[in-house]
Amino acid sequence: MAIILRLDRVMADRKISLGELAGRVGIANVNLSRMKTGRVSAIRFSTLNAICRALRCQPGDILEYVEDETEPFPRPNV
């Protein structure tokens, strides 16, 4: 996948624990842990909004796009 979650980095910068952030955001520790380790395939905008509010950051601080050379580039239908 070309989108990488950098939640662990932002949490370390803010010196906030998994449990504390989960409490502020209102989601289970296990779900936040999956996000932190990048083992999710989707994230709701409402969850992203709550995380950004709690960490006082921008979505771009958490999400990073890295081009995946193995995925074929889709060609537009002309």
C-alpha atoms as a PDB file:
ATOM      1  CA  MET A   1       0.000   0.000   0.000  1.00  0.00           C
ATOM      2  CA  ALA A   2       1.245   3.469  -0.832  1.00  0.00           C
ATOM      3  CA  ILE A   3      -0.265   5.316   2.170  1.00  0.00           C
ATOM      4  CA  ILE A   4       1.762   4.993   5.372  1.00  0.00           C
ATOM      5  CA  LEU A   5       0.495   5.953   8.822  1.00  0.00           C
ATOM      6  CA  ARG A   6       2.982   7.924  10.897  1.00  0.00           C
ATOM      7  CA  LEU A   7       0.837   8.034  14.028  1.00  0.00           C
ATOM      8  CA  ASP A   8       3.600   6.494  16.144  1.00  0.00           C
ATOM      9  CA  ARG A   9       5.980   9.319  15.220  1.00  0.00           C
ATOM     10  CA  VAL A  10       3.460  12.069  16.023  1.00  0.00           C
ATOM     11  CA  MET A  11       2.546  10.401  19.316  1.00  0.00           C
ATOM     12  CA  ALA A  12       6.230  10.218  20.287  1.00  0.00           C
ATOM     13  CA  ASP A  13       6.726  13.888  19.370  1.00  0.00           C
ATOM     14  CA  ARG A  14       3.743  14.836  21.545  1.00  0.00           C
ATOM     15  CA  LYS A  15       4.797  12.439  24.337  1.00  0.00           C
ATOM     16  CA  ILE A  16       1.340  10.894  24.531  1.00  0.00           C
ATOM     17  CA  SER A  17       0.622   7.267  25.342  1.00  0.00           C
ATOM     18  CA  LEU A  18      -1.645   4.944  23.434  1.00  0.00           C
ATOM     19  CA  GLY A  19      -4.098   4.766  26.339  1.00  0.00           C
ATOM     20  CA  GLU A  20      -4.244   8.513  26.782  1.00  0.00           C
ATOM     21  CA  LEU A  21      -4.832   9.162  23.080  1.00  0.00           C
ATOM     22  CA  ALA A  22      -7.447   6.405  22.875  1.00  0.00           C
ATOM     23  CA  GLY A  23      -9.297   8.032  25.768  1.00  0.00           C
ATOM     24  CA  ARG A  24      -9.180  11.482  24.191  1.00  0.00           C
ATOM     25  CA  VAL A  25     -10.304  10.192  20.791  1.00  0.00           C
ATOM     26  CA  GLY A  26     -12.929   7.808  22.169  1.00  0.00           C
ATOM     27  CA  ILE A  27     -11.803   4.608  20.435  1.00  0.00           C
ATOM     28  CA  ALA A  28     -10.586   1.290  21.796  1.00  0.00           C
ATOM     29  CA  ASN A  29      -6.882   0.819  22.512  1.00  0.00           C
ATOM     30  CA  VAL A  30      -6.764  -2.160  20.145  1.00  0.00           C
ATOM     31  CA  ASN A  31      -8.084  -0.087  17.221  1.00  0.00           C
ATOM     32  CA  LEU A  32      -5.661   2.749  17.915  1.00  0.00           C
ATOM     33  CA  SER A  33      -2.836   0.234  18.234  1.00  0.00           C
ATOM     34  CA  ARG A  34      -3.681  -1.126  14.785  1.00  0.00           C
ATOM     35  CA  MET A  35      -3.491   2.389  13.370  1.00  0.00           C
ATOM     36  CA  LYS A  36      -0.220   3.057  15.156  1.00  0.00           C
ATOM     37  CA  THR A  37       1.371  -0.067  13.687  1.00  0.00           C
ATOM     38  CA  GLY A  38      -0.116   0.501  10.221  1.00  0.00           C
ATOM     39  CA  ARG A  39      -2.279  -2.631  10.236  1.00  0.00           C
ATOM     40  CA  VAL A  40      -5.427  -0.922   8.972  1.00  0.00           C
ATOM     41  CA  SER A  41      -6.749  -0.592   5.461  1.00  0.00           C
ATOM     42  CA  ALA A  42      -9.099   2.315   6.131  1.00  0.00           C
ATOM     43  CA  ILE A  43      -9.687   5.127   8.588  1.00  0.00           C
ATOM     44  CA  ARG A  44     -12.844   7.170   9.015  1.00  0.00           C
ATOM     45  CA  PHE A  45     -12.588  10.902   8.567  1.00  0.00           C
ATOM     46  CA  SER A  46     -14.320  11.369  11.922  1.00  0.00           C
ATOM     47  CA  THR A  47     -11.584   9.294  13.592  1.00  0.00           C
ATOM     48  CA  LEU A  48      -8.844  11.164  11.736  1.00  0.00           C
ATOM     49  CA  ASN A  49     -10.473  14.435  12.768  1.00  0.00           C
ATOM     50  CA  ALA A  50     -10.555  13.372  16.433  1.00  0.00           C
ATOM     51  CA  ILE A  51      -6.908  12.227  16.330  1.00  0.00           C
ATOM     52  CA  CYS A  52      -5.788  15.493  14.735  1.00  0.00           C
ATOM     53  CA  ARG A  53      -7.752  17.487  17.299  1.00  0.00           C
ATOM     54  CA  ALA A  54      -6.246  15.522  20.204  1.00  0.00           C
ATOM     55  CA  LEU A  55      -2.695  15.727  18.849  1.00  0.00           C
ATOM     56  CA  ARG A  56      -3.075  19.278  17.486  1.00  0.00           C
ATOM     57  CA  CYS A  57      -1.706  18.266  14.115  1.00  0.00           C
ATOM     58  CA  GLN A  58      -2.668  18.134  10.453  1.00  0.00           C
ATOM     59  CA  PRO A  59      -3.701  14.936   8.604  1.00  0.00           C
ATOM     60  CA  GLY A  60      -0.488  15.240   6.576  1.00  0.00           C
ATOM     61  CA  ASP A  61       1.492  14.841   9.794  1.00  0.00           C
ATOM     62  CA  ILE A  62      -0.043  11.381  10.228  1.00  0.00           C
ATOM     63  CA  LEU A  63      -0.491  10.213   6.632  1.00  0.00           C
ATOM     64  CA  GLU A  64       2.305   9.885   4.104  1.00  0.00           C
ATOM     65  CA  TYR A  65       2.117   8.868   0.453  1.00  0.00           C
ATOM     66  CA  VAL A  66       4.949   6.725  -0.866  1.00  0.00           C
ATOM     67  CA  GLU A  67       4.780   5.680  -4.493  1.00  0.00           C
ATOM     68  CA  ASP A  68       4.515   1.924  -4.867  1.00  0.00           C
ATOM     69  CA  GLU A  69       6.449   0.833  -7.940  1.00  0.00           C
ATOM     70  CA  THR A  70       4.787  -2.603  -7.984  1.00  0.00           C
ATOM     71  CA  GLU A  71       1.274  -1.235  -8.525  1.00  0.00           C
ATOM     72  CA  PRO A  72       0.425  -0.483 -12.139  1.00  0.00           C
ATOM     73  CA  PHE A  73      -0.554   3.083 -12.867  1.00  0.00           C
ATOM     74  CA  PRO A  74      -4.177   3.212 -14.045  1.00  0.00           C
ATOM     75  CA  ARG A  75      -4.642   4.643 -17.509  1.00  0.00           C
ATOM     76  CA  PRO A  76      -7.600   6.952 -18.060  1.00  0.00           C
ATOM     77  CA  ASN A  77     -10.230   5.917 -20.560  1.00  0.00           C
ATOM     78  CA  VAL A  78     -10.048   8.348 -23.457  1.00  0.00           C
END
